[in-house]
N, C-alpha and C. Protein backbone atom coordinates (compact mmCIF):
# COMPACT_ATOMS: atom_id res chain seq x y z
N MET A 1 -31.23 12.27 -9.25
CA MET A 1 -31.46 10.84 -9.10
C MET A 1 -30.26 10.24 -8.36
N ASP A 2 -30.55 9.43 -7.33
CA ASP A 2 -29.46 8.80 -6.59
C ASP A 2 -29.20 7.39 -7.12
N LEU A 3 -28.22 6.74 -6.54
CA LEU A 3 -27.79 5.42 -6.99
C LEU A 3 -28.92 4.39 -6.92
N ILE A 4 -29.69 4.42 -5.86
CA ILE A 4 -30.80 3.48 -5.69
C ILE A 4 -31.86 3.70 -6.76
N GLU A 5 -32.16 4.95 -7.05
CA GLU A 5 -33.15 5.26 -8.08
C GLU A 5 -32.68 4.78 -9.45
N VAL A 6 -31.39 4.90 -9.73
CA VAL A 6 -30.85 4.41 -11.00
C VAL A 6 -31.06 2.91 -11.10
N ALA A 7 -30.72 2.18 -10.05
CA ALA A 7 -30.90 0.72 -10.06
C ALA A 7 -32.37 0.33 -10.27
N LYS A 8 -33.27 1.11 -9.69
CA LYS A 8 -34.71 0.81 -9.80
C LYS A 8 -35.25 0.96 -11.21
N THR A 9 -34.52 1.65 -12.08
CA THR A 9 -35.00 1.84 -13.45
C THR A 9 -34.78 0.59 -14.31
N PHE A 10 -34.10 -0.41 -13.75
CA PHE A 10 -33.81 -1.64 -14.49
C PHE A 10 -34.57 -2.81 -13.90
N ASP A 11 -34.87 -3.79 -14.75
CA ASP A 11 -35.58 -4.99 -14.31
C ASP A 11 -34.69 -5.96 -13.55
N SER A 12 -33.40 -5.92 -13.81
CA SER A 12 -32.46 -6.84 -13.17
C SER A 12 -32.43 -6.66 -11.66
N ASP A 13 -32.01 -7.71 -10.98
CA ASP A 13 -31.79 -7.64 -9.54
C ASP A 13 -30.38 -7.11 -9.31
N PHE A 14 -30.25 -6.16 -8.39
CA PHE A 14 -28.96 -5.58 -8.03
C PHE A 14 -28.67 -5.86 -6.57
N ASN A 15 -27.45 -6.31 -6.28
CA ASN A 15 -27.05 -6.55 -4.90
C ASN A 15 -25.80 -5.76 -4.58
N LEU A 16 -25.73 -5.30 -3.34
CA LEU A 16 -24.59 -4.56 -2.82
C LEU A 16 -24.02 -5.37 -1.66
N THR A 17 -22.73 -5.67 -1.72
CA THR A 17 -22.09 -6.43 -0.66
C THR A 17 -21.00 -5.59 -0.01
N TYR A 18 -21.03 -5.58 1.33
CA TYR A 18 -20.02 -4.89 2.11
C TYR A 18 -19.78 -5.70 3.39
N SER A 19 -18.55 -5.97 3.68
CA SER A 19 -18.17 -6.65 4.92
C SER A 19 -18.93 -7.97 5.13
N GLY A 20 -19.07 -8.73 4.06
CA GLY A 20 -19.70 -10.04 4.14
C GLY A 20 -21.22 -10.03 4.19
N LYS A 21 -21.84 -8.86 4.11
CA LYS A 21 -23.30 -8.76 4.13
C LYS A 21 -23.78 -8.25 2.77
N THR A 22 -24.85 -8.86 2.27
CA THR A 22 -25.39 -8.50 0.96
C THR A 22 -26.83 -8.02 1.12
N VAL A 23 -27.14 -6.90 0.45
CA VAL A 23 -28.49 -6.35 0.47
C VAL A 23 -28.92 -5.99 -0.96
N ASN A 24 -30.19 -5.80 -1.12
CA ASN A 24 -30.77 -5.36 -2.39
C ASN A 24 -30.41 -3.89 -2.60
N LEU A 25 -29.73 -3.58 -3.70
CA LEU A 25 -29.33 -2.19 -3.98
C LEU A 25 -30.54 -1.29 -4.21
N LYS A 26 -31.69 -1.86 -4.52
CA LYS A 26 -32.89 -1.08 -4.75
C LYS A 26 -33.61 -0.72 -3.45
N SER A 27 -33.08 -1.16 -2.32
CA SER A 27 -33.69 -0.92 -1.01
C SER A 27 -32.87 0.09 -0.20
N MET A 28 -33.41 1.28 -0.01
CA MET A 28 -32.72 2.31 0.76
C MET A 28 -32.43 1.81 2.18
N MET A 29 -33.39 1.17 2.81
CA MET A 29 -33.20 0.66 4.17
C MET A 29 -32.09 -0.40 4.20
N GLY A 30 -32.07 -1.26 3.20
CA GLY A 30 -31.04 -2.28 3.13
C GLY A 30 -29.66 -1.68 3.01
N VAL A 31 -29.52 -0.72 2.10
CA VAL A 31 -28.22 -0.07 1.88
C VAL A 31 -27.78 0.67 3.14
N LEU A 32 -28.68 1.41 3.75
CA LEU A 32 -28.33 2.16 4.97
C LEU A 32 -27.98 1.22 6.12
N SER A 33 -28.60 0.05 6.15
CA SER A 33 -28.34 -0.90 7.24
C SER A 33 -26.89 -1.40 7.25
N LEU A 34 -26.20 -1.27 6.13
CA LEU A 34 -24.82 -1.73 6.06
C LEU A 34 -23.85 -0.77 6.74
N GLY A 35 -24.23 0.48 6.89
CA GLY A 35 -23.35 1.46 7.54
C GLY A 35 -22.01 1.58 6.85
N ILE A 36 -22.03 1.73 5.54
CA ILE A 36 -20.79 1.75 4.75
C ILE A 36 -20.04 3.07 4.97
N PRO A 37 -18.79 2.98 5.43
CA PRO A 37 -18.00 4.20 5.63
C PRO A 37 -17.39 4.71 4.32
N THR A 38 -16.91 5.92 4.34
CA THR A 38 -16.25 6.52 3.20
C THR A 38 -15.04 5.67 2.80
N LYS A 39 -14.85 5.52 1.51
CA LYS A 39 -13.71 4.79 0.91
C LYS A 39 -13.71 3.29 1.23
N ALA A 40 -14.87 2.76 1.58
CA ALA A 40 -14.97 1.32 1.85
C ALA A 40 -14.97 0.55 0.53
N LYS A 41 -14.56 -0.70 0.58
CA LYS A 41 -14.61 -1.56 -0.60
C LYS A 41 -15.95 -2.27 -0.61
N ILE A 42 -16.67 -2.11 -1.73
CA ILE A 42 -17.97 -2.73 -1.90
C ILE A 42 -17.99 -3.52 -3.21
N VAL A 43 -18.97 -4.39 -3.33
CA VAL A 43 -19.17 -5.13 -4.58
C VAL A 43 -20.63 -4.96 -4.97
N ILE A 44 -20.85 -4.59 -6.22
CA ILE A 44 -22.21 -4.48 -6.75
C ILE A 44 -22.34 -5.49 -7.88
N THR A 45 -23.39 -6.30 -7.82
CA THR A 45 -23.66 -7.28 -8.85
C THR A 45 -25.08 -7.10 -9.37
N ALA A 46 -25.30 -7.58 -10.58
CA ALA A 46 -26.63 -7.53 -11.18
C ALA A 46 -26.91 -8.85 -11.87
N ASP A 47 -28.16 -9.23 -11.88
CA ASP A 47 -28.58 -10.46 -12.54
C ASP A 47 -29.92 -10.23 -13.21
N GLY A 48 -29.95 -10.40 -14.54
CA GLY A 48 -31.19 -10.20 -15.27
C GLY A 48 -30.91 -9.84 -16.72
N GLU A 49 -31.98 -9.65 -17.46
CA GLU A 49 -31.87 -9.37 -18.90
C GLU A 49 -31.12 -8.09 -19.21
N ASP A 50 -31.24 -7.07 -18.37
CA ASP A 50 -30.59 -5.79 -18.66
C ASP A 50 -29.42 -5.51 -17.70
N GLU A 51 -28.80 -6.58 -17.21
CA GLU A 51 -27.74 -6.43 -16.21
C GLU A 51 -26.54 -5.63 -16.72
N GLU A 52 -26.12 -5.86 -17.96
CA GLU A 52 -24.96 -5.13 -18.47
C GLU A 52 -25.23 -3.63 -18.55
N THR A 53 -26.36 -3.27 -19.10
CA THR A 53 -26.74 -1.86 -19.20
C THR A 53 -26.91 -1.27 -17.81
N GLY A 54 -27.49 -2.04 -16.92
CA GLY A 54 -27.71 -1.57 -15.55
C GLY A 54 -26.42 -1.32 -14.80
N ILE A 55 -25.48 -2.24 -14.90
CA ILE A 55 -24.19 -2.07 -14.23
C ILE A 55 -23.47 -0.85 -14.78
N LYS A 56 -23.53 -0.64 -16.09
CA LYS A 56 -22.90 0.54 -16.68
C LYS A 56 -23.53 1.82 -16.14
N ALA A 57 -24.86 1.84 -16.04
CA ALA A 57 -25.55 3.03 -15.53
C ALA A 57 -25.21 3.29 -14.07
N VAL A 58 -25.16 2.24 -13.27
CA VAL A 58 -24.80 2.37 -11.85
C VAL A 58 -23.35 2.87 -11.73
N HIS A 59 -22.47 2.33 -12.54
CA HIS A 59 -21.07 2.77 -12.54
C HIS A 59 -20.96 4.25 -12.89
N GLU A 60 -21.66 4.67 -13.93
CA GLU A 60 -21.63 6.08 -14.33
C GLU A 60 -22.19 6.98 -13.23
N LYS A 61 -23.25 6.53 -12.56
CA LYS A 61 -23.83 7.34 -11.47
C LYS A 61 -22.86 7.44 -10.32
N MET A 62 -22.16 6.35 -10.02
CA MET A 62 -21.17 6.39 -8.96
C MET A 62 -20.05 7.39 -9.28
N LYS A 63 -19.63 7.44 -10.55
CA LYS A 63 -18.63 8.42 -10.97
C LYS A 63 -19.19 9.84 -10.82
N GLU A 64 -20.43 10.04 -11.26
CA GLU A 64 -21.07 11.34 -11.19
C GLU A 64 -21.17 11.83 -9.74
N LEU A 65 -21.47 10.93 -8.83
CA LEU A 65 -21.62 11.27 -7.42
C LEU A 65 -20.29 11.37 -6.68
N GLY A 66 -19.19 11.04 -7.37
CA GLY A 66 -17.87 11.11 -6.75
C GLY A 66 -17.57 9.95 -5.82
N ILE A 67 -18.32 8.86 -5.96
CA ILE A 67 -18.09 7.68 -5.14
C ILE A 67 -16.86 6.93 -5.62
N ILE A 68 -16.65 6.95 -6.94
CA ILE A 68 -15.45 6.36 -7.54
C ILE A 68 -14.84 7.38 -8.49
N GLY A 69 -13.55 7.18 -8.79
CA GLY A 69 -12.83 8.12 -9.66
C GLY A 69 -12.96 7.82 -11.11
């Protein structure tokens, strides 16, 4: 399961921001459109009833994938 699939398991809205542009984290095309390079600084936000659980799951997946330490 990739990061986008993890976000899709939650009802909350997830956004990914890079270089002043924000896209839906649940959209593969949106995420790819940002052209995020390795070691770039990004911001992920969530809004909804399960946002806390969702952010924790996304964070854990990012650690698992080696995106963050």
